[in-house]
Amino acid sequence: MSNKDFILQRIRVYAGKEFDPAEDQQVADVLRSRFNIRLPQRSSLNASLALATSDHEIIGLVLQYRTMT
């Protein structure tokens, strides 16, 4: 299992459902509905996630997943 797959599994465990952390709308919907997290408005979702990484561990995991190749 690759590190990216491991991170994806952790994200889905935190969220309690399967979703694609590479899809902006799905990430925003899960953070809002499951964790009541409203991201700050920035030019990109990654920039918003970077500003909110201390709010909840899932944000850091999603950001890490999105930056892996």
PDB file of N, CA and C in Angstrom:
ATOM      1  N   MET A   1       0.848  -1.175   0.000  1.00  0.00           N
ATOM      2  CA  MET A   1       0.000   0.000   0.000  1.00  0.00           C
ATOM      3  C   MET A   1       0.899   1.245   0.000  1.00  0.00           C
ATOM      4  N   SER A   2       0.594   2.168  -0.881  1.00  0.00           N
ATOM      5  CA  SER A   2       1.398   3.380  -0.949  1.00  0.00           C
ATOM      6  C   SER A   2       0.989   4.358   0.151  1.00  0.00           C
ATOM      7  N   ASN A   3       1.842   5.321   0.389  1.00  0.00           N
ATOM      8  CA  ASN A   3       1.567   6.341   1.392  1.00  0.00           C
ATOM      9  C   ASN A   3       0.304   7.123   1.034  1.00  0.00           C
ATOM     10  N   LYS A   4       0.109   7.380  -0.254  1.00  0.00           N
ATOM     11  CA  LYS A   4      -1.073   8.119  -0.701  1.00  0.00           C
ATOM     12  C   LYS A   4      -2.341   7.314  -0.411  1.00  0.00           C
ATOM     13  N   ASP A   5      -2.294   6.007  -0.639  1.00  0.00           N
ATOM     14  CA  ASP A   5      -3.451   5.149  -0.337  1.00  0.00           C
ATOM     15  C   ASP A   5      -3.746   5.140   1.160  1.00  0.00           C
ATOM     16  N   PHE A   6      -2.691   5.110   1.961  1.00  0.00           N
ATOM     17  CA  PHE A   6      -2.853   5.129   3.418  1.00  0.00           C
ATOM     18  C   PHE A   6      -3.517   6.426   3.867  1.00  0.00           C
ATOM     19  N   ILE A   7      -3.073   7.533   3.323  1.00  0.00           N
ATOM     20  CA  ILE A   7      -3.664   8.831   3.669  1.00  0.00           C
ATOM     21  C   ILE A   7      -5.121   8.872   3.238  1.00  0.00           C
ATOM     22  N   LEU A   8      -5.416   8.346   2.058  1.00  0.00           N
ATOM     23  CA  LEU A   8      -6.795   8.306   1.575  1.00  0.00           C
ATOM     24  C   LEU A   8      -7.679   7.501   2.535  1.00  0.00           C
ATOM     25  N   GLN A   9      -7.189   6.383   3.011  1.00  0.00           N
ATOM     26  CA  GLN A   9      -7.949   5.579   3.971  1.00  0.00           C
ATOM     27  C   GLN A   9      -8.207   6.355   5.264  1.00  0.00           C
ATOM     28  N   ARG A  10      -7.205   7.043   5.762  1.00  0.00           N
ATOM     29  CA  ARG A  10      -7.366   7.845   6.982  1.00  0.00           C
ATOM     30  C   ARG A  10      -8.396   8.948   6.785  1.00  0.00           C
ATOM     31  N   ILE A  11      -8.358   9.596   5.622  1.00  0.00           N
ATOM     32  CA  ILE A  11      -9.324  10.654   5.317  1.00  0.00           C
ATOM     33  C   ILE A  11     -10.737  10.087   5.349  1.00  0.00           C
ATOM     34  N   ARG A  12     -10.916   8.946   4.716  1.00  0.00           N
ATOM     35  CA  ARG A  12     -12.252   8.345   4.647  1.00  0.00           C
ATOM     36  C   ARG A  12     -12.727   7.855   6.009  1.00  0.00           C
ATOM     37  N   VAL A  13     -11.807   7.400   6.852  1.00  0.00           N
ATOM     38  CA  VAL A  13     -12.189   7.001   8.215  1.00  0.00           C
ATOM     39  C   VAL A  13     -12.663   8.225   9.001  1.00  0.00           C
ATOM     40  N   TYR A  14     -11.919   9.316   8.930  1.00  0.00           N
ATOM     41  CA  TYR A  14     -12.329  10.542   9.622  1.00  0.00           C
ATOM     42  C   TYR A  14     -13.684  11.022   9.124  1.00  0.00           C
ATOM     43  N   ALA A  15     -13.868  10.997   7.802  1.00  0.00           N
ATOM     44  CA  ALA A  15     -15.100  11.512   7.212  1.00  0.00           C
ATOM     45  C   ALA A  15     -16.279  10.579   7.448  1.00  0.00           C
ATOM     46  N   GLY A  16     -16.003   9.297   7.620  1.00  0.00           N
ATOM     47  CA  GLY A  16     -17.079   8.341   7.803  1.00  0.00           C
ATOM     48  C   GLY A  16     -17.803   8.007   6.521  1.00  0.00           C
ATOM     49  N   LYS A  17     -17.202   8.350   5.396  1.00  0.00           N
ATOM     50  CA  LYS A  17     -17.796   8.046   4.101  1.00  0.00           C
ATOM     51  C   LYS A  17     -16.721   8.135   3.027  1.00  0.00           C
ATOM     52  N   GLU A  18     -17.012   7.556   1.888  1.00  0.00           N
ATOM     53  CA  GLU A  18     -16.074   7.627   0.772  1.00  0.00           C
ATOM     54  C   GLU A  18     -16.350   8.876  -0.041  1.00  0.00           C
ATOM     55  N   PHE A  19     -15.278   9.553  -0.386  1.00  0.00           N
ATOM     56  CA  PHE A  19     -15.351  10.701  -1.288  1.00  0.00           C
ATOM     57  C   PHE A  19     -13.980  10.903  -1.885  1.00  0.00           C
ATOM     58  N   ASP A  20     -13.904  11.729  -2.920  1.00  0.00           N
ATOM     59  CA  ASP A  20     -12.645  11.966  -3.609  1.00  0.00           C
ATOM     60  C   ASP A  20     -12.021  13.260  -3.086  1.00  0.00           C
ATOM     61  N   PRO A  21     -10.932  13.164  -2.310  1.00  0.00           N
ATOM     62  CA  PRO A  21     -10.318  14.363  -1.761  1.00  0.00           C
ATOM     63  C   PRO A  21      -9.644  15.249  -2.808  1.00  0.00           C
ATOM     64  N   ALA A  22      -9.593  14.797  -4.037  1.00  0.00           N
ATOM     65  CA  ALA A  22      -9.047  15.628  -5.110  1.00  0.00           C
ATOM     66  C   ALA A  22     -10.117  16.529  -5.727  1.00  0.00           C
ATOM     67  N   GLU A  23     -11.381  16.280  -5.409  1.00  0.00           N
ATOM     68  CA  GLU A  23     -12.493  17.066  -5.951  1.00  0.00           C
ATOM     69  C   GLU A  23     -12.863  18.195  -4.994  1.00  0.00           C
ATOM     70  N   ASP A  24     -12.688  19.436  -5.446  1.00  0.00           N
ATOM     71  CA  ASP A  24     -12.919  20.604  -4.590  1.00  0.00           C
ATOM     72  C   ASP A  24     -14.297  20.596  -3.934  1.00  0.00           C
ATOM     73  N   GLN A  25     -15.342  20.385  -4.719  1.00  0.00           N
ATOM     74  CA  GLN A  25     -16.702  20.460  -4.188  1.00  0.00           C
ATOM     75  C   GLN A  25     -16.965  19.366  -3.153  1.00  0.00           C
ATOM     76  N   GLN A  26     -16.468  18.162  -3.411  1.00  0.00           N
ATOM     77  CA  GLN A  26     -16.664  17.076  -2.456  1.00  0.00           C
ATOM     78  C   GLN A  26     -15.956  17.375  -1.138  1.00  0.00           C
ATOM     79  N   VAL A  27     -14.753  17.923  -1.214  1.00  0.00           N
ATOM     80  CA  VAL A  27     -14.007  18.275   0.005  1.00  0.00           C
ATOM     81  C   VAL A  27     -14.769  19.332   0.794  1.00  0.00           C
ATOM     82  N   ALA A  28     -15.191  20.378   0.127  1.00  0.00           N
ATOM     83  CA  ALA A  28     -15.917  21.456   0.805  1.00  0.00           C
ATOM     84  C   ALA A  28     -17.207  20.934   1.428  1.00  0.00           C
ATOM     85  N   ASP A  29     -17.932  20.074   0.709  1.00  0.00           N
ATOM     86  CA  ASP A  29     -19.184  19.517   1.230  1.00  0.00           C
ATOM     87  C   ASP A  29     -18.954  18.657   2.465  1.00  0.00           C
ATOM     88  N   VAL A  30     -17.941  17.785   2.433  1.00  0.00           N
ATOM     89  CA  VAL A  30     -17.655  16.911   3.580  1.00  0.00           C
ATOM     90  C   VAL A  30     -17.219  17.739   4.783  1.00  0.00           C
ATOM     91  N   LEU A  31     -16.343  18.703   4.575  1.00  0.00           N
ATOM     92  CA  LEU A  31     -15.880  19.520   5.702  1.00  0.00           C
ATOM     93  C   LEU A  31     -17.037  20.292   6.328  1.00  0.00           C
ATOM     94  N   ARG A  32     -17.935  20.784   5.494  1.00  0.00           N
ATOM     95  CA  ARG A  32     -19.077  21.553   6.000  1.00  0.00           C
ATOM     96  C   ARG A  32     -20.100  20.638   6.692  1.00  0.00           C
ATOM     97  N   SER A  33     -20.465  19.532   6.052  1.00  0.00           N
ATOM     98  CA  SER A  33     -21.537  18.696   6.591  1.00  0.00           C
ATOM     99  C   SER A  33     -21.100  17.814   7.759  1.00  0.00           C
ATOM    100  N   ARG A  34     -19.898  17.274   7.718  1.00  0.00           N
ATOM    101  CA  ARG A  34     -19.443  16.349   8.760  1.00  0.00           C
ATOM    102  C   ARG A  34     -18.758  17.037   9.935  1.00  0.00           C
ATOM    103  N   PHE A  35     -18.078  18.159   9.657  1.00  0.00           N
ATOM    104  CA  PHE A  35     -17.258  18.787  10.692  1.00  0.00           C
ATOM    105  C   PHE A  35     -17.640  20.238  10.987  1.00  0.00           C
ATOM    106  N   ASN A  36     -18.633  20.751  10.260  1.00  0.00           N
ATOM    107  CA  ASN A  36     -19.066  22.138  10.405  1.00  0.00           C
ATOM    108  C   ASN A  36     -17.893  23.109  10.239  1.00  0.00           C
ATOM    109  N   ILE A  37     -17.028  22.813   9.278  1.00  0.00           N
ATOM    110  CA  ILE A  37     -15.869  23.652   8.998  1.00  0.00           C
ATOM    111  C   ILE A  37     -16.168  24.488   7.762  1.00  0.00           C
ATOM    112  N   ARG A  38     -16.060  25.771   7.923  1.00  0.00           N
ATOM    113  CA  ARG A  38     -16.203  26.708   6.808  1.00  0.00           C
ATOM    114  C   ARG A  38     -14.806  27.220   6.477  1.00  0.00           C
ATOM    115  N   LEU A  39     -14.372  26.963   5.268  1.00  0.00           N
ATOM    116  CA  LEU A  39     -13.031  27.379   4.861  1.00  0.00           C
ATOM    117  C   LEU A  39     -13.015  28.851   4.491  1.00  0.00           C
ATOM    118  N   PRO A  40     -11.911  29.532   4.756  1.00  0.00           N
ATOM    119  CA  PRO A  40     -11.789  30.929   4.331  1.00  0.00           C
ATOM    120  C   PRO A  40     -11.760  31.019   2.807  1.00  0.00           C
ATOM    121  N   GLN A  41     -12.307  32.081   2.271  1.00  0.00           N
ATOM    122  CA  GLN A  41     -12.331  32.274   0.825  1.00  0.00           C
ATOM    123  C   GLN A  41     -10.951  32.690   0.332  1.00  0.00           C
ATOM    124  N   ARG A  42     -10.397  31.894  -0.549  1.00  0.00           N
ATOM    125  CA  ARG A  42      -9.101  32.174  -1.166  1.00  0.00           C
ATOM    126  C   ARG A  42      -9.179  31.827  -2.635  1.00  0.00           C
ATOM    127  N   SER A  43      -8.118  32.068  -3.368  1.00  0.00           N
ATOM    128  CA  SER A  43      -8.112  31.853  -4.817  1.00  0.00           C
ATOM    129  C   SER A  43      -8.215  30.381  -5.203  1.00  0.00           C
ATOM    130  N   SER A  44      -7.833  29.479  -4.294  1.00  0.00           N
ATOM    131  CA  SER A  44      -7.952  28.049  -4.580  1.00  0.00           C
ATOM    132  C   SER A  44      -8.318  27.315  -3.292  1.00  0.00           C
ATOM    133  N   LEU A  45      -8.860  26.126  -3.455  1.00  0.00           N
ATOM    134  CA  LEU A  45      -9.203  25.335  -2.280  1.00  0.00           C
ATOM    135  C   LEU A  45      -7.951  24.964  -1.500  1.00  0.00           C
ATOM    136  N   ASN A  46      -6.850  24.686  -2.196  1.00  0.00           N
ATOM    137  CA  ASN A  46      -5.604  24.352  -1.496  1.00  0.00           C
ATOM    138  C   ASN A  46      -5.143  25.502  -0.612  1.00  0.00           C
ATOM    139  N   ALA A  47      -5.286  26.733  -1.092  1.00  0.00           N
ATOM    140  CA  ALA A  47      -4.911  27.899  -0.286  1.00  0.00           C
ATOM    141  C   ALA A  47      -5.812  28.017   0.934  1.00  0.00           C
ATOM    142  N   SER A  48      -7.099  27.758   0.763  1.00  0.00           N
ATOM    143  CA  SER A  48      -8.031  27.782   1.888  1.00  0.00           C
ATOM    144  C   SER A  48      -7.701  26.696   2.897  1.00  0.00           C
ATOM    145  N   LEU A  49      -7.391  25.492   2.403  1.00  0.00           N
ATOM    146  CA  LEU A  49      -7.025  24.388   3.289  1.00  0.00           C
ATOM    147  C   LEU A  49      -5.762  24.715   4.079  1.00  0.00           C
ATOM    148  N   ALA A  50      -4.784  25.324   3.407  1.00  0.00           N
ATOM    149  CA  ALA A  50      -3.524  25.662   4.065  1.00  0.00           C
ATOM    150  C   ALA A  50      -3.742  26.639   5.223  1.00  0.00           C
ATOM    151  N   LEU A  51      -4.686  27.560   5.070  1.00  0.00           N
ATOM    152  CA  LEU A  51      -4.966  28.523   6.137  1.00  0.00           C
ATOM    153  C   LEU A  51      -5.728  27.898   7.302  1.00  0.00           C
ATOM    154  N   ALA A  52      -6.401  26.775   7.052  1.00  0.00           N
ATOM    155  CA  ALA A  52      -7.250  26.178   8.079  1.00  0.00           C
ATOM    156  C   ALA A  52      -6.705  24.856   8.616  1.00  0.00           C
ATOM    157  N   THR A  53      -5.444  24.547   8.382  1.00  0.00           N
ATOM    158  CA  THR A  53      -4.904  23.243   8.765  1.00  0.00           C
ATOM    159  C   THR A  53      -4.990  22.971  10.261  1.00  0.00           C
ATOM    160  N   SER A  54      -4.984  23.976  11.088  1.00  0.00           N
ATOM    161  CA  SER A  54      -5.034  23.741  12.538  1.00  0.00           C
ATOM    162  C   SER A  54      -6.441  23.466  13.035  1.00  0.00           C
ATOM    163  N   ASP A  55      -7.457  23.671  12.216  1.00  0.00           N
ATOM    164  CA  ASP A  55      -8.840  23.487  12.647  1.00  0.00           C
ATOM    165  C   ASP A  55      -9.191  22.027  12.924  1.00  0.00           C
ATOM    166  N   HIS A  56      -8.684  21.118  12.126  1.00  0.00           N
ATOM    167  CA  HIS A  56      -9.001  19.706  12.291  1.00  0.00           C
ATOM    168  C   HIS A  56      -7.975  18.886  11.519  1.00  0.00           C
ATOM    169  N   GLU A  57      -7.640  17.715  12.034  1.00  0.00           N
ATOM    170  CA  GLU A  57      -6.609  16.895  11.401  1.00  0.00           C
ATOM    171  C   GLU A  57      -6.957  16.499   9.966  1.00  0.00           C
ATOM    172  N   ILE A  58      -8.238  16.339   9.659  1.00  0.00           N
ATOM    173  CA  ILE A  58      -8.622  15.915   8.312  1.00  0.00           C
ATOM    174  C   ILE A  58      -8.198  16.949   7.269  1.00  0.00           C
ATOM    175  N   ILE A  59      -8.160  18.211   7.633  1.00  0.00           N
ATOM    176  CA  ILE A  59      -7.759  19.247   6.676  1.00  0.00           C
ATOM    177  C   ILE A  59      -6.308  19.050   6.264  1.00  0.00           C
ATOM    178  N   GLY A  60      -5.445  18.794   7.218  1.00  0.00           N
ATOM    179  CA  GLY A  60      -4.042  18.534   6.911  1.00  0.00           C
ATOM    180  C   GLY A  60      -3.870  17.292   6.057  1.00  0.00           C
ATOM    181  N   LEU A  61      -4.657  16.267   6.338  1.00  0.00           N
ATOM    182  CA  LEU A  61      -4.575  15.037   5.540  1.00  0.00           C
ATOM    183  C   LEU A  61      -5.032  15.276   4.103  1.00  0.00           C
ATOM    184  N   VAL A  62      -6.126  16.011   3.934  1.00  0.00           N
ATOM    185  CA  VAL A  62      -6.620  16.304   2.581  1.00  0.00           C
ATOM    186  C   VAL A  62      -5.586  17.127   1.822  1.00  0.00           C
ATOM    187  N   LEU A  63      -5.025  18.114   2.459  1.00  0.00           N
ATOM    188  CA  LEU A  63      -4.011  18.938   1.810  1.00  0.00           C
ATOM    189  C   LEU A  63      -2.787  18.111   1.439  1.00  0.00           C
ATOM    190  N   GLN A  64      -2.369  17.244   2.331  1.00  0.00           N
ATOM    191  CA  GLN A  64      -1.231  16.368   2.047  1.00  0.00           C
ATOM    192  C   GLN A  64      -1.558  15.443   0.871  1.00  0.00           C
ATOM    193  N   TYR A  65      -2.739  14.869   0.851  1.00  0.00           N
ATOM    194  CA  TYR A  65      -3.163  13.983  -0.235  1.00  0.00           C
ATOM    195  C   TYR A  65      -3.143  14.727  -1.563  1.00  0.00           C
ATOM    196  N   ARG A  66      -3.668  15.947  -1.563  1.00  0.00           N
ATOM    197  CA  ARG A  66      -3.800  16.727  -2.796  1.00  0.00           C
ATOM    198  C   ARG A  66      -2.450  17.166  -3.352  1.00  0.00           C
ATOM    199  N   THR A  67      -1.435  17.225  -2.517  1.00  0.00           N
ATOM    200  CA  THR A  67      -0.121  17.679  -3.001  1.00  0.00           C
ATOM    201  C   THR A  67       0.789  16.522  -3.391  1.00  0.00           C
ATOM    202  N   MET A  68       0.336  15.293  -3.144  1.00  0.00           N
ATOM    203  CA  MET A  68       1.145  14.118  -3.528  1.00  0.00           C
ATOM    204  C   MET A  68       0.942  13.796  -5.002  1.00  0.00           C
ATOM    205  N   THR A  69       1.985  13.296  -5.627  1.00  0.00           N
ATOM    206  CA  THR A  69       1.854  12.934  -7.035  1.00  0.00           C
ATOM    207  C   THR A  69       1.691  11.449  -7.213  1.00  0.00           C
TER     208      THR A  69
END
